[in-house]
Amino acid sequence: MRDITAVVLSIGEPYTDRAIASVQRQTLPVAATVVVRGVTPFHRALNQGAAQVRTPFFVQVDSDTILDERCLAQLRSCMDDHLGLVSCHLRDAVIGRIHGTRLYRTACFEHVQIRDSISPDMDFGIDIRRHGWGRFHVLRYGGDRQHWHTFGEHRPDYNPHYAFCKFLLEGIRSRYRRREGRVRTLFHKLRTSTHPAAPIALIATAHGLFLHDNRDLLVPYERGPDFQLLERFLAAAGETPPTAALAQTNGDQRRRFTSAYEWGLRCREAGASSAFLAQLHRLTCDDSLASWMTMAGMCHGLFHHNGNGAEAEQSYESLEEILALGPPW
């Protein structure tokens, strides 16, 4: 019996047909495919798709994903009467594995809708728990070790703009979900990534940690002022900031962070992107908390706006909320 509908979410990406084709190749065929086009943000799109489902279950398929042929069969095999949501990882070129495809119990949506939240998937899992349903994350062993626990690919166009916007949002969401260890996990993946987009992703993630927003921000990415600032900075390709090398401090986390913040600002003012990226690379080779503090400070300092030194102190105080939960690096 075919009891799964595929809900494909698209905001006009040129590879939506590729995602649909991966649904059609499944060893466990779907009963129907619903394509939701041009609806944003994410929670509105998925709620609209869920309202069109007439089967007991549906799978969320984002347009930039390619499902492995046995993905639905494996997700469905894990669904039982106590679960409302089964999820899995996808392979990602920048960070290796990324949270991706989800199989939902349609009946959950009679009681709960996807919220207007900075982390809709996490909050949905919390909400359905109140109605007696659990969430299960599927793992898989076998084959290439790099592909363990993955059931498809996340394959967007990782151009500089997309990478910046995606990982800026990941930084904001990681702050929101910091009690799950998301800050530490994400930075570890970015620190060890060899993808050409990794430096921009790392800068964006560090900057996003300091931004507060609780809304669903999964909308089409615009060329906002922060990306334009970074784009101009990277195009400048200067070698040396107009001051001495980045200051080092011992034991004083606040001083280390604020010094790095001011250094990042000076690099931007001097157009010293080559010196900045070289320092960022050196820091990714060191897994100490001191290196992480320096990296976070200099990346956030690039986007300094208000023209006085108080912003660095305020940023450090914001960072202390994350540090209170343990080393993030």
C-alpha atoms as a PDB file:
ATOM      1  CA  MET A   1       0.000   0.000   0.000  1.00  0.00           C
ATOM      2  CA  ARG A   2       1.337   3.428  -0.940  1.00  0.00           C
ATOM      3  CA  ASP A   3       0.857   5.605   2.110  1.00  0.00           C
ATOM      4  CA  ILE A   4       3.379   8.435   1.558  1.00  0.00           C
ATOM      5  CA  THR A   5       2.977  11.711  -0.344  1.00  0.00           C
ATOM      6  CA  ALA A   6       6.031  13.712  -1.393  1.00  0.00           C
ATOM      7  CA  VAL A   7       5.734  17.436  -0.623  1.00  0.00           C
ATOM      8  CA  VAL A   8       8.323  19.249  -2.725  1.00  0.00           C
ATOM      9  CA  LEU A   9       9.128  22.825  -1.662  1.00  0.00           C
ATOM     10  CA  SER A  10      10.411  25.191  -4.358  1.00  0.00           C
ATOM     11  CA  ILE A  11      11.037  28.920  -4.519  1.00  0.00           C
ATOM     12  CA  GLY A  12      11.970  28.798  -8.174  1.00  0.00           C
ATOM     13  CA  GLU A  13      15.334  27.026  -8.016  1.00  0.00           C
ATOM     14  CA  PRO A  14      16.490  25.678 -11.404  1.00  0.00           C
ATOM     15  CA  TYR A  15      16.988  22.183  -9.968  1.00  0.00           C
ATOM     16  CA  THR A  16      13.466  21.494  -8.633  1.00  0.00           C
ATOM     17  CA  ASP A  17      12.891  18.887 -11.370  1.00  0.00           C
ATOM     18  CA  ARG A  18      16.030  17.099 -10.185  1.00  0.00           C
ATOM     19  CA  ALA A  19      14.508  16.706  -6.704  1.00  0.00           C
ATOM     20  CA  ILE A  20      11.213  15.456  -8.157  1.00  0.00           C
ATOM     21  CA  ALA A  21      13.103  12.939 -10.291  1.00  0.00           C
ATOM     22  CA  SER A  22      14.786  11.553  -7.157  1.00  0.00           C
ATOM     23  CA  VAL A  23      11.326  11.012  -5.641  1.00  0.00           C
ATOM     24  CA  GLN A  24      10.228   9.126  -8.736  1.00  0.00           C
ATOM     25  CA  ARG A  25      13.232   6.769  -8.450  1.00  0.00           C
ATOM     26  CA  GLN A  26      12.353   5.587  -4.938  1.00  0.00           C
ATOM     27  CA  THR A  27      12.182   1.838  -4.299  1.00  0.00           C
ATOM     28  CA  LEU A  28       9.142   2.634  -2.151  1.00  0.00           C
ATOM     29  CA  PRO A  29       6.904   4.566  -4.549  1.00  0.00           C
ATOM     30  CA  VAL A  30       4.893   7.536  -3.323  1.00  0.00           C
ATOM     31  CA  ALA A  31       1.131   7.763  -3.692  1.00  0.00           C
ATOM     32  CA  ALA A  32       1.284  11.362  -4.926  1.00  0.00           C
ATOM     33  CA  THR A  33       3.594  14.348  -5.318  1.00  0.00           C
ATOM     34  CA  VAL A  34       2.549  17.826  -4.200  1.00  0.00           C
ATOM     35  CA  VAL A  35       4.745  20.701  -5.386  1.00  0.00           C
ATOM     36  CA  VAL A  36       4.499  23.947  -3.395  1.00  0.00           C
ATOM     37  CA  ARG A  37       5.993  26.772  -5.444  1.00  0.00           C
ATOM     38  CA  GLY A  38       6.843  30.327  -4.431  1.00  0.00           C
ATOM     39  CA  VAL A  39       5.398  30.202  -0.911  1.00  0.00           C
ATOM     40  CA  THR A  40       7.557  31.671   1.869  1.00  0.00           C
ATOM     41  CA  PRO A  41       8.710  31.511   4.561  1.00  0.00           C
ATOM     42  CA  PHE A  42       9.270  27.815   5.154  1.00  0.00           C
ATOM     43  CA  HIS A  43       6.559  27.259   7.782  1.00  0.00           C
ATOM     44  CA  ARG A  44       3.855  28.638   5.465  1.00  0.00           C
ATOM     45  CA  ALA A  45       5.040  26.479   2.577  1.00  0.00           C
ATOM     46  CA  LEU A  46       5.135  23.242   4.565  1.00  0.00           C
ATOM     47  CA  ASN A  47       1.797  23.886   6.278  1.00  0.00           C
ATOM     48  CA  GLN A  48       0.249  24.564   2.868  1.00  0.00           C
ATOM     49  CA  GLY A  49       1.709  21.359   1.501  1.00  0.00           C
ATOM     50  CA  ALA A  50       0.541  19.316   4.491  1.00  0.00           C
ATOM     51  CA  ALA A  51      -3.021  20.587   3.981  1.00  0.00           C
ATOM     52  CA  GLN A  52      -3.037  18.935   0.516  1.00  0.00           C
ATOM     53  CA  VAL A  53      -1.882  15.506   1.713  1.00  0.00           C
ATOM     54  CA  ARG A  54      -4.406  12.642   1.687  1.00  0.00           C
ATOM     55  CA  THR A  55      -2.119   9.835   2.859  1.00  0.00           C
ATOM     56  CA  PRO A  56      -1.124   8.866   6.426  1.00  0.00           C
ATOM     57  CA  PHE A  57       2.435  10.169   5.910  1.00  0.00           C
ATOM     58  CA  PHE A  58       4.299  12.693   3.807  1.00  0.00           C
ATOM     59  CA  VAL A  59       7.956  13.401   3.152  1.00  0.00           C
ATOM     60  CA  GLN A  60       9.376  16.917   2.922  1.00  0.00           C
ATOM     61  CA  VAL A  61      11.661  17.246  -0.118  1.00  0.00           C
ATOM     62  CA  ASP A  62      13.449  20.564  -0.557  1.00  0.00           C
ATOM     63  CA  SER A  63      14.246  21.489  -4.147  1.00  0.00           C
ATOM     64  CA  ASP A  64      18.014  21.390  -3.542  1.00  0.00           C
ATOM     65  CA  THR A  65      18.005  17.766  -2.376  1.00  0.00           C
ATOM     66  CA  ILE A  66      18.533  14.496  -4.227  1.00  0.00           C
ATOM     67  CA  LEU A  67      17.202  11.484  -2.344  1.00  0.00           C
ATOM     68  CA  ASP A  68      18.976   8.140  -2.432  1.00  0.00           C
ATOM     69  CA  GLU A  69      16.763   5.475  -3.998  1.00  0.00           C
ATOM     70  CA  ARG A  70      16.048   3.704  -0.692  1.00  0.00           C
ATOM     71  CA  CYS A  71      15.565   6.858   1.365  1.00  0.00           C
ATOM     72  CA  LEU A  72      11.778   6.605   1.733  1.00  0.00           C
ATOM     73  CA  ALA A  73      11.867   2.853   2.355  1.00  0.00           C
ATOM     74  CA  GLN A  74      14.322   3.314   5.201  1.00  0.00           C
ATOM     75  CA  LEU A  75      12.482   6.252   6.730  1.00  0.00           C
ATOM     76  CA  ARG A  76       9.153   4.428   6.494  1.00  0.00           C
ATOM     77  CA  SER A  77      10.588   1.289   8.119  1.00  0.00           C
ATOM     78  CA  CYS A  78      11.405   3.337  11.229  1.00  0.00           C
ATOM     79  CA  MET A  79       7.987   4.951  11.598  1.00  0.00           C
ATOM     80  CA  ASP A  80       5.828   3.358  14.298  1.00  0.00           C
ATOM     81  CA  ASP A  81       2.614   4.274  16.123  1.00  0.00           C
ATOM     82  CA  HIS A  82       4.466   6.344  18.722  1.00  0.00           C
ATOM     83  CA  LEU A  83       6.297   8.589  16.267  1.00  0.00           C
ATOM     84  CA  GLY A  84       5.153  11.742  14.518  1.00  0.00           C
ATOM     85  CA  LEU A  85       8.409  12.557  12.746  1.00  0.00           C
ATOM     86  CA  VAL A  86      11.333  10.566  11.347  1.00  0.00           C
ATOM     87  CA  SER A  87      14.313  12.505  10.002  1.00  0.00           C
ATOM     88  CA  CYS A  88      17.708  11.853   8.454  1.00  0.00           C
ATOM     89  CA  HIS A  89      20.932  13.483   7.303  1.00  0.00           C
ATOM     90  CA  LEU A  90      21.937  14.419   3.780  1.00  0.00           C
ATOM     91  CA  ARG A  91      25.455  14.687   2.350  1.00  0.00           C
ATOM     92  CA  ASP A  92      26.637  18.283   2.051  1.00  0.00           C
ATOM     93  CA  ALA A  93      29.729  19.518   0.215  1.00  0.00           C
ATOM     94  CA  VAL A  94      30.654  22.137   2.834  1.00  0.00           C
ATOM     95  CA  ILE A  95      29.960  20.497   6.184  1.00  0.00           C
ATOM     96  CA  GLY A  96      29.776  16.804   5.323  1.00  0.00           C
ATOM     97  CA  ARG A  97      26.362  15.984   6.764  1.00  0.00           C
ATOM     98  CA  ILE A  98      23.367  18.243   7.208  1.00  0.00           C
ATOM     99  CA  HIS A  99      19.910  17.801   8.722  1.00  0.00           C
ATOM    100  CA  GLY A 100      17.603  17.244   5.791  1.00  0.00           C
ATOM    101  CA  THR A 101      14.681  15.065   4.742  1.00  0.00           C
ATOM    102  CA  ARG A 102      11.784  14.434   7.156  1.00  0.00           C
ATOM    103  CA  LEU A 103       8.908  11.972   7.090  1.00  0.00           C
ATOM    104  CA  TYR A 104       5.856  13.379   8.900  1.00  0.00           C
ATOM    105  CA  ARG A 105       2.729  11.715  10.251  1.00  0.00           C
ATOM    106  CA  THR A 106      -0.056  13.686   8.594  1.00  0.00           C
ATOM    107  CA  ALA A 107      -2.355  13.358  11.634  1.00  0.00           C
ATOM    108  CA  CYS A 108       0.041  15.551  13.632  1.00  0.00           C
ATOM    109  CA  PHE A 109      -1.064  18.517  11.559  1.00  0.00           C
ATOM    110  CA  GLU A 110      -4.617  18.161  12.855  1.00  0.00           C
ATOM    111  CA  HIS A 111      -3.237  19.327  16.215  1.00  0.00           C
ATOM    112  CA  VAL A 112      -0.002  21.183  15.456  1.00  0.00           C
ATOM    113  CA  GLN A 113       1.229  23.444  12.657  1.00  0.00           C
ATOM    114  CA  ILE A 114       4.815  24.287  11.775  1.00  0.00           C
ATOM    115  CA  ARG A 115       5.523  27.464  13.749  1.00  0.00           C
ATOM    116  CA  ASP A 116       6.812  30.857  12.628  1.00  0.00           C
ATOM    117  CA  SER A 117      10.109  30.145  14.384  1.00  0.00           C
ATOM    118  CA  ILE A 118      13.828  30.541  13.732  1.00  0.00           C
ATOM    119  CA  SER A 119      14.056  26.742  14.133  1.00  0.00           C
ATOM    120  CA  PRO A 120      10.726  25.339  12.870  1.00  0.00           C
ATOM    121  CA  ASP A 121      11.821  21.699  12.748  1.00  0.00           C
ATOM    122  CA  MET A 122      13.056  21.609  16.347  1.00  0.00           C
ATOM    123  CA  ASP A 123       9.986  23.402  17.641  1.00  0.00           C
ATOM    124  CA  PHE A 124       7.643  21.074  15.736  1.00  0.00           C
ATOM    125  CA  GLY A 125       9.288  18.105  17.451  1.00  0.00           C
ATOM    126  CA  ILE A 126       8.682  19.779  20.812  1.00  0.00           C
ATOM    127  CA  ASP A 127       5.080  20.600  19.960  1.00  0.00           C
ATOM    128  CA  ILE A 128       4.076  17.093  18.842  1.00  0.00           C
ATOM    129  CA  ARG A 129       5.619  15.621  21.981  1.00  0.00           C
ATOM    130  CA  ARG A 130       2.880  17.363  23.951  1.00  0.00           C
ATOM    131  CA  HIS A 131       0.367  15.297  21.962  1.00  0.00           C
ATOM    132  CA  GLY A 132       2.120  12.000  22.642  1.00  0.00           C
ATOM    133  CA  TRP A 133       4.231  11.623  19.492  1.00  0.00           C
ATOM    134  CA  GLY A 134       7.987  11.277  19.454  1.00  0.00           C
ATOM    135  CA  ARG A 135      10.727  12.064  16.956  1.00  0.00           C
ATOM    136  CA  PHE A 136      13.309   9.601  15.649  1.00  0.00           C
ATOM    137  CA  HIS A 137      16.550  10.272  13.756  1.00  0.00           C
ATOM    138  CA  VAL A 138      17.615   7.496  11.401  1.00  0.00           C
ATOM    139  CA  LEU A 139      21.238   6.305  11.242  1.00  0.00           C
ATOM    140  CA  ARG A 140      22.781   4.069   8.607  1.00  0.00           C
ATOM    141  CA  TYR A 141      26.035   2.137   8.488  1.00  0.00           C
ATOM    142  CA  GLY A 142      27.758   0.490   5.548  1.00  0.00           C
ATOM    143  CA  GLY A 143      29.557   1.504   2.388  1.00  0.00           C
ATOM    144  CA  ASP A 144      31.776   4.570   2.205  1.00  0.00           C
ATOM    145  CA  ARG A 145      32.334   5.819   5.759  1.00  0.00           C
ATOM    146  CA  GLN A 146      31.915   9.413   4.561  1.00  0.00           C
ATOM    147  CA  HIS A 147      28.359   8.501   3.565  1.00  0.00           C
ATOM    148  CA  TRP A 148      27.358   6.840   6.829  1.00  0.00           C
ATOM    149  CA  HIS A 149      24.047   8.054   8.229  1.00  0.00           C
ATOM    150  CA  THR A 150      23.116   9.880   5.027  1.00  0.00           C
ATOM    151  CA  PHE A 151      20.152   9.192   2.758  1.00  0.00           C
ATOM    152  CA  GLY A 152      20.695  11.623  -0.084  1.00  0.00           C
ATOM    153  CA  GLU A 153      22.471  14.813  -1.097  1.00  0.00           C
ATOM    154  CA  HIS A 154      22.005  18.462  -0.268  1.00  0.00           C
ATOM    155  CA  ARG A 155      23.232  20.021  -3.499  1.00  0.00           C
ATOM    156  CA  PRO A 156      22.554  23.745  -3.818  1.00  0.00           C
ATOM    157  CA  ASP A 157      24.683  26.181  -5.807  1.00  0.00           C
ATOM    158  CA  TYR A 158      27.278  27.111  -3.183  1.00  0.00           C
ATOM    159  CA  ASN A 159      28.137  30.505  -4.659  1.00  0.00           C
ATOM    160  CA  PRO A 160      29.459  33.197  -2.250  1.00  0.00           C
ATOM    161  CA  HIS A 161      26.056  34.834  -1.769  1.00  0.00           C
ATOM    162  CA  TYR A 162      24.243  31.586  -1.043  1.00  0.00           C
ATOM    163  CA  ALA A 163      26.994  30.390   1.303  1.00  0.00           C
ATOM    164  CA  PHE A 164      26.966  33.651   3.258  1.00  0.00           C
ATOM    165  CA  CYS A 165      23.179  33.809   3.640  1.00  0.00           C
ATOM    166  CA  LYS A 166      22.761  30.133   4.495  1.00  0.00           C
ATOM    167  CA  PHE A 167      25.443  30.095   7.165  1.00  0.00           C
ATOM    168  CA  LEU A 168      24.459  33.467   8.602  1.00  0.00           C
ATOM    169  CA  LEU A 169      21.098  31.834   9.282  1.00  0.00           C
ATOM    170  CA  GLU A 170      22.847  28.735  10.634  1.00  0.00           C
ATOM    171  CA  GLY A 171      24.696  30.968  13.092  1.00  0.00           C
ATOM    172  CA  ILE A 172      21.460  32.565  14.286  1.00  0.00           C
ATOM    173  CA  ARG A 173      19.791  29.163  14.590  1.00  0.00           C
ATOM    174  CA  SER A 174      22.798  27.643  16.363  1.00  0.00           C
ATOM    175  CA  ARG A 175      22.572  30.312  19.021  1.00  0.00           C
ATOM    176  CA  TYR A 176      18.876  29.487  19.469  1.00  0.00           C
ATOM    177  CA  ARG A 177      19.670  25.762  19.681  1.00  0.00           C
ATOM    178  CA  ARG A 178      22.906  26.076  21.643  1.00  0.00           C
ATOM    179  CA  ARG A 179      21.729  23.771  24.414  1.00  0.00           C
ATOM    180  CA  GLU A 180      21.871  20.926  21.885  1.00  0.00           C
ATOM    181  CA  GLY A 181      25.566  21.572  21.252  1.00  0.00           C
ATOM    182  CA  ARG A 182      24.815  22.966  17.802  1.00  0.00           C
ATOM    183  CA  VAL A 183      27.411  25.752  18.067  1.00  0.00           C
ATOM    184  CA  ARG A 184      30.239  23.334  18.780  1.00  0.00           C
ATOM    185  CA  THR A 185      29.150  20.843  16.108  1.00  0.00           C
ATOM    186  CA  LEU A 186      28.769  23.414  13.342  1.00  0.00           C
ATOM    187  CA  PHE A 187      32.079  25.161  13.989  1.00  0.00           C
ATOM    188  CA  HIS A 188      33.916  21.849  14.094  1.00  0.00           C
ATOM    189  CA  LYS A 189      32.528  20.936  10.665  1.00  0.00           C
ATOM    190  CA  LEU A 190      33.405  24.324   9.185  1.00  0.00           C
ATOM    191  CA  ARG A 191      36.872  24.384  10.759  1.00  0.00           C
ATOM    192  CA  THR A 192      37.788  21.111   9.062  1.00  0.00           C
ATOM    193  CA  SER A 193      36.035  21.759   5.722  1.00  0.00           C
ATOM    194  CA  THR A 194      38.157  22.077   2.578  1.00  0.00           C
ATOM    195  CA  HIS A 195      35.363  23.451   0.407  1.00  0.00           C
ATOM    196  CA  PRO A 196      36.154  26.819  -1.283  1.00  0.00           C
ATOM    197  CA  ALA A 197      33.029  28.321   0.312  1.00  0.00           C
ATOM    198  CA  ALA A 198      34.113  27.330   3.859  1.00  0.00           C
ATOM    199  CA  PRO A 199      35.852  30.649   4.774  1.00  0.00           C
ATOM    200  CA  ILE A 200      32.750  32.667   3.838  1.00  0.00           C
ATOM    201  CA  ALA A 201      30.569  30.142   5.666  1.00  0.00           C
ATOM    202  CA  LEU A 202      32.756  30.440   8.765  1.00  0.00           C
ATOM    203  CA  ILE A 203      32.654  34.264   8.714  1.00  0.00           C
ATOM    204  CA  ALA A 204      28.885  34.238   8.258  1.00  0.00           C
ATOM    205  CA  THR A 205      28.293  31.685  11.024  1.00  0.00           C
ATOM    206  CA  ALA A 206      30.430  33.624  13.500  1.00  0.00           C
ATOM    207  CA  HIS A 207      28.606  36.851  12.662  1.00  0.00           C
ATOM    208  CA  GLY A 208      25.215  35.132  12.928  1.00  0.00           C
ATOM    209  CA  LEU A 209      25.909  34.035  16.506  1.00  0.00           C
ATOM    210  CA  PHE A 210      25.501  37.664  17.576  1.00  0.00           C
ATOM    211  CA  LEU A 211      22.215  38.280  15.795  1.00  0.00           C
ATOM    212  CA  HIS A 212      18.933  37.725  17.603  1.00  0.00           C
ATOM    213  CA  ASP A 213      15.793  36.785  15.703  1.00  0.00           C
ATOM    214  CA  ASN A 214      13.031  34.305  16.512  1.00  0.00           C
ATOM    215  CA  ARG A 215      11.155  34.462  13.197  1.00  0.00           C
ATOM    216  CA  ASP A 216      11.200  31.919  10.389  1.00  0.00           C
ATOM    217  CA  LEU A 217      13.943  33.357   8.161  1.00  0.00           C
ATOM    218  CA  LEU A 218      13.869  30.592   5.560  1.00  0.00           C
ATOM    219  CA  VAL A 219      12.991  32.921   2.691  1.00  0.00           C
ATOM    220  CA  PRO A 220      14.661  33.732  -0.664  1.00  0.00           C
ATOM    221  CA  TYR A 221      18.067  35.208   0.116  1.00  0.00           C
ATOM    222  CA  GLU A 222      18.563  38.886  -0.723  1.00  0.00           C
ATOM    223  CA  ARG A 223      21.833  40.722  -1.264  1.00  0.00           C
ATOM    224  CA  GLY A 224      21.651  42.495   2.094  1.00  0.00           C
ATOM    225  CA  PRO A 225      24.078  45.123   3.410  1.00  0.00           C
ATOM    226  CA  ASP A 226      26.200  42.650   5.379  1.00  0.00           C
ATOM    227  CA  PHE A 227      26.878  40.502   2.316  1.00  0.00           C
ATOM    228  CA  GLN A 228      27.617  43.578   0.225  1.00  0.00           C
ATOM    229  CA  LEU A 229      30.085  44.746   2.880  1.00  0.00           C
ATOM    230  CA  LEU A 230      31.824  41.367   2.878  1.00  0.00           C
ATOM    231  CA  GLU A 231      31.826  41.220  -0.915  1.00  0.00           C
ATOM    232  CA  ARG A 232      33.570  44.606  -1.139  1.00  0.00           C
ATOM    233  CA  PHE A 233      36.056  43.591   1.535  1.00  0.00           C
ATOM    234  CA  LEU A 234      37.018  40.326  -0.165  1.00  0.00           C
ATOM    235  CA  ALA A 235      37.371  42.086  -3.521  1.00  0.00           C
ATOM    236  CA  ALA A 236      39.831  44.602  -2.006  1.00  0.00           C
ATOM    237  CA  ALA A 237      42.488  41.876  -1.584  1.00  0.00           C
ATOM    238  CA  GLY A 238      44.775  44.054   0.565  1.00  0.00           C
ATOM    239  CA  GLU A 239      47.723  42.412   2.293  1.00  0.00           C
ATOM    240  CA  THR A 240      48.388  44.149   5.606  1.00  0.00           C
ATOM    241  CA  PRO A 241      46.175  46.026   8.079  1.00  0.00           C
ATOM    242  CA  PRO A 242      47.470  49.489   9.141  1.00  0.00           C
ATOM    243  CA  THR A 243      48.514  48.244  12.592  1.00  0.00           C
ATOM    244  CA  ALA A 244      50.716  45.574  14.122  1.00  0.00           C
ATOM    245  CA  ALA A 245      49.793  41.904  14.026  1.00  0.00           C
ATOM    246  CA  LEU A 246      46.733  40.641  15.812  1.00  0.00           C
ATOM    247  CA  ALA A 247      47.275  41.087  19.552  1.00  0.00           C
ATOM    248  CA  GLN A 248      47.548  37.975  21.728  1.00  0.00           C
ATOM    249  CA  THR A 249      46.397  37.862  25.337  1.00  0.00           C
ATOM    250  CA  ASN A 250      46.772  35.116  27.878  1.00  0.00           C
ATOM    251  CA  GLY A 251      43.885  33.965  30.007  1.00  0.00           C
ATOM    252  CA  ASP A 252      41.638  37.000  29.568  1.00  0.00           C
ATOM    253  CA  GLN A 253      38.840  35.916  27.215  1.00  0.00           C
ATOM    254  CA  ARG A 254      37.212  39.330  27.123  1.00  0.00           C
ATOM    255  CA  ARG A 255      40.425  41.077  26.096  1.00  0.00           C
ATOM    256  CA  ARG A 256      41.181  38.413  23.507  1.00  0.00           C
ATOM    257  CA  PHE A 257      37.743  38.773  21.950  1.00  0.00           C
ATOM    258  CA  THR A 258      37.609  42.583  21.953  1.00  0.00           C
ATOM    259  CA  SER A 259      41.157  42.840  20.584  1.00  0.00           C
ATOM    260  CA  ALA A 260      40.243  40.469  17.742  1.00  0.00           C
ATOM    261  CA  TYR A 261      37.035  42.392  17.108  1.00  0.00           C
ATOM    262  CA  GLU A 262      38.945  45.658  16.692  1.00  0.00           C
ATOM    263  CA  TRP A 263      41.504  43.926  14.474  1.00  0.00           C
ATOM    264  CA  GLY A 264      38.727  42.640  12.200  1.00  0.00           C
ATOM    265  CA  LEU A 265      37.359  46.183  11.956  1.00  0.00           C
ATOM    266  CA  ARG A 266      40.798  47.567  11.062  1.00  0.00           C
ATOM    267  CA  CYS A 267      41.226  44.908   8.395  1.00  0.00           C
ATOM    268  CA  ARG A 268      37.947  45.919   6.816  1.00  0.00           C
ATOM    269  CA  GLU A 269      38.845  49.616   6.895  1.00  0.00           C
ATOM    270  CA  ALA A 270      42.196  48.849   5.236  1.00  0.00           C
ATOM    271  CA  GLY A 271      40.731  46.386   2.740  1.00  0.00           C
ATOM    272  CA  ALA A 272      43.200  43.833   4.118  1.00  0.00           C
ATOM    273  CA  SER A 273      41.282  40.734   3.083  1.00  0.00           C
ATOM    274  CA  SER A 274      44.384  38.644   2.309  1.00  0.00           C
ATOM    275  CA  ALA A 275      45.796  39.199   5.809  1.00  0.00           C
ATOM    276  CA  PHE A 276      42.389  38.489   7.327  1.00  0.00           C
ATOM    277  CA  LEU A 277      41.870  35.216   5.433  1.00  0.00           C
ATOM    278  CA  ALA A 278      45.412  34.076   6.216  1.00  0.00           C
ATOM    279  CA  GLN A 279      44.779  34.628   9.922  1.00  0.00           C
ATOM    280  CA  LEU A 280      41.420  32.841   9.683  1.00  0.00           C
ATOM    281  CA  HIS A 281      43.140  29.837   8.115  1.00  0.00           C
ATOM    282  CA  ARG A 282      45.744  29.720  10.902  1.00  0.00           C
ATOM    283  CA  LEU A 283      43.011  29.782  13.525  1.00  0.00           C
ATOM    284  CA  THR A 284      41.135  26.869  11.955  1.00  0.00           C
ATOM    285  CA  CYS A 285      44.244  24.727  12.460  1.00  0.00           C
ATOM    286  CA  ASP A 286      44.032  25.205  16.240  1.00  0.00           C
ATOM    287  CA  ASP A 287      41.162  23.626  18.157  1.00  0.00           C
ATOM    288  CA  SER A 288      41.629  25.658  21.353  1.00  0.00           C
ATOM    289  CA  LEU A 289      38.992  27.905  22.906  1.00  0.00           C
ATOM    290  CA  ALA A 290      41.424  30.821  22.617  1.00  0.00           C
ATOM    291  CA  SER A 291      41.526  30.385  18.839  1.00  0.00           C
ATOM    292  CA  TRP A 292      37.757  30.184  18.678  1.00  0.00           C
ATOM    293  CA  MET A 293      37.420  33.416  20.679  1.00  0.00           C
ATOM    294  CA  THR A 294      39.832  35.174  18.335  1.00  0.00           C
ATOM    295  CA  MET A 295      38.064  33.850  15.252  1.00  0.00           C
ATOM    296  CA  ALA A 296      34.605  34.842  16.504  1.00  0.00           C
ATOM    297  CA  GLY A 297      35.820  38.320  17.449  1.00  0.00           C
ATOM    298  CA  MET A 298      37.581  39.150  14.191  1.00  0.00           C
ATOM    299  CA  CYS A 299      34.780  37.762  11.990  1.00  0.00           C
ATOM    300  CA  HIS A 300      32.101  39.709  13.829  1.00  0.00           C
ATOM    301  CA  GLY A 301      34.320  42.798  13.926  1.00  0.00           C
ATOM    302  CA  LEU A 302      34.255  42.955  10.128  1.00  0.00           C
ATOM    303  CA  PHE A 303      30.628  44.063  10.377  1.00  0.00           C
ATOM    304  CA  HIS A 304      31.146  46.767  13.028  1.00  0.00           C
ATOM    305  CA  HIS A 305      28.617  49.565  12.445  1.00  0.00           C
ATOM    306  CA  ASN A 306      28.143  52.021  15.278  1.00  0.00           C
ATOM    307  CA  GLY A 307      31.574  53.658  15.277  1.00  0.00           C
ATOM    308  CA  ASN A 308      32.518  53.255  18.945  1.00  0.00           C
ATOM    309  CA  GLY A 309      34.305  50.703  21.081  1.00  0.00           C
ATOM    310  CA  ALA A 310      31.230  49.826  23.121  1.00  0.00           C
ATOM    311  CA  GLU A 311      29.992  47.444  20.424  1.00  0.00           C
ATOM    312  CA  ALA A 312      32.879  45.038  21.043  1.00  0.00           C
ATOM    313  CA  GLU A 313      32.062  44.916  24.780  1.00  0.00           C
ATOM    314  CA  GLN A 314      28.374  44.417  24.071  1.00  0.00           C
ATOM    315  CA  SER A 315      29.193  41.616  21.651  1.00  0.00           C
ATOM    316  CA  TYR A 316      31.334  39.858  24.232  1.00  0.00           C
ATOM    317  CA  GLU A 317      28.528  40.031  26.774  1.00  0.00           C
ATOM    318  CA  SER A 318      26.258  38.429  24.188  1.00  0.00           C
ATOM    319  CA  LEU A 319      28.842  35.710  23.602  1.00  0.00           C
ATOM    320  CA  GLU A 320      28.989  34.909  27.317  1.00  0.00           C
ATOM    321  CA  GLU A 321      25.503  33.400  27.030  1.00  0.00           C
ATOM    322  CA  ILE A 322      26.991  30.763  24.721  1.00  0.00           C
ATOM    323  CA  LEU A 323      30.204  30.285  26.721  1.00  0.00           C
ATOM    324  CA  ALA A 324      28.138  29.541  29.823  1.00  0.00           C
ATOM    325  CA  LEU A 325      27.124  26.221  28.231  1.00  0.00           C
ATOM    326  CA  GLY A 326      30.686  24.996  27.725  1.00  0.00           C
ATOM    327  CA  PRO A 327      33.456  25.356  25.118  1.00  0.00           C
ATOM    328  CA  PRO A 328      31.862  25.951  21.705  1.00  0.00           C
ATOM    329  CA  TRP A 329      34.905  24.971  19.619  1.00  0.00           C
END
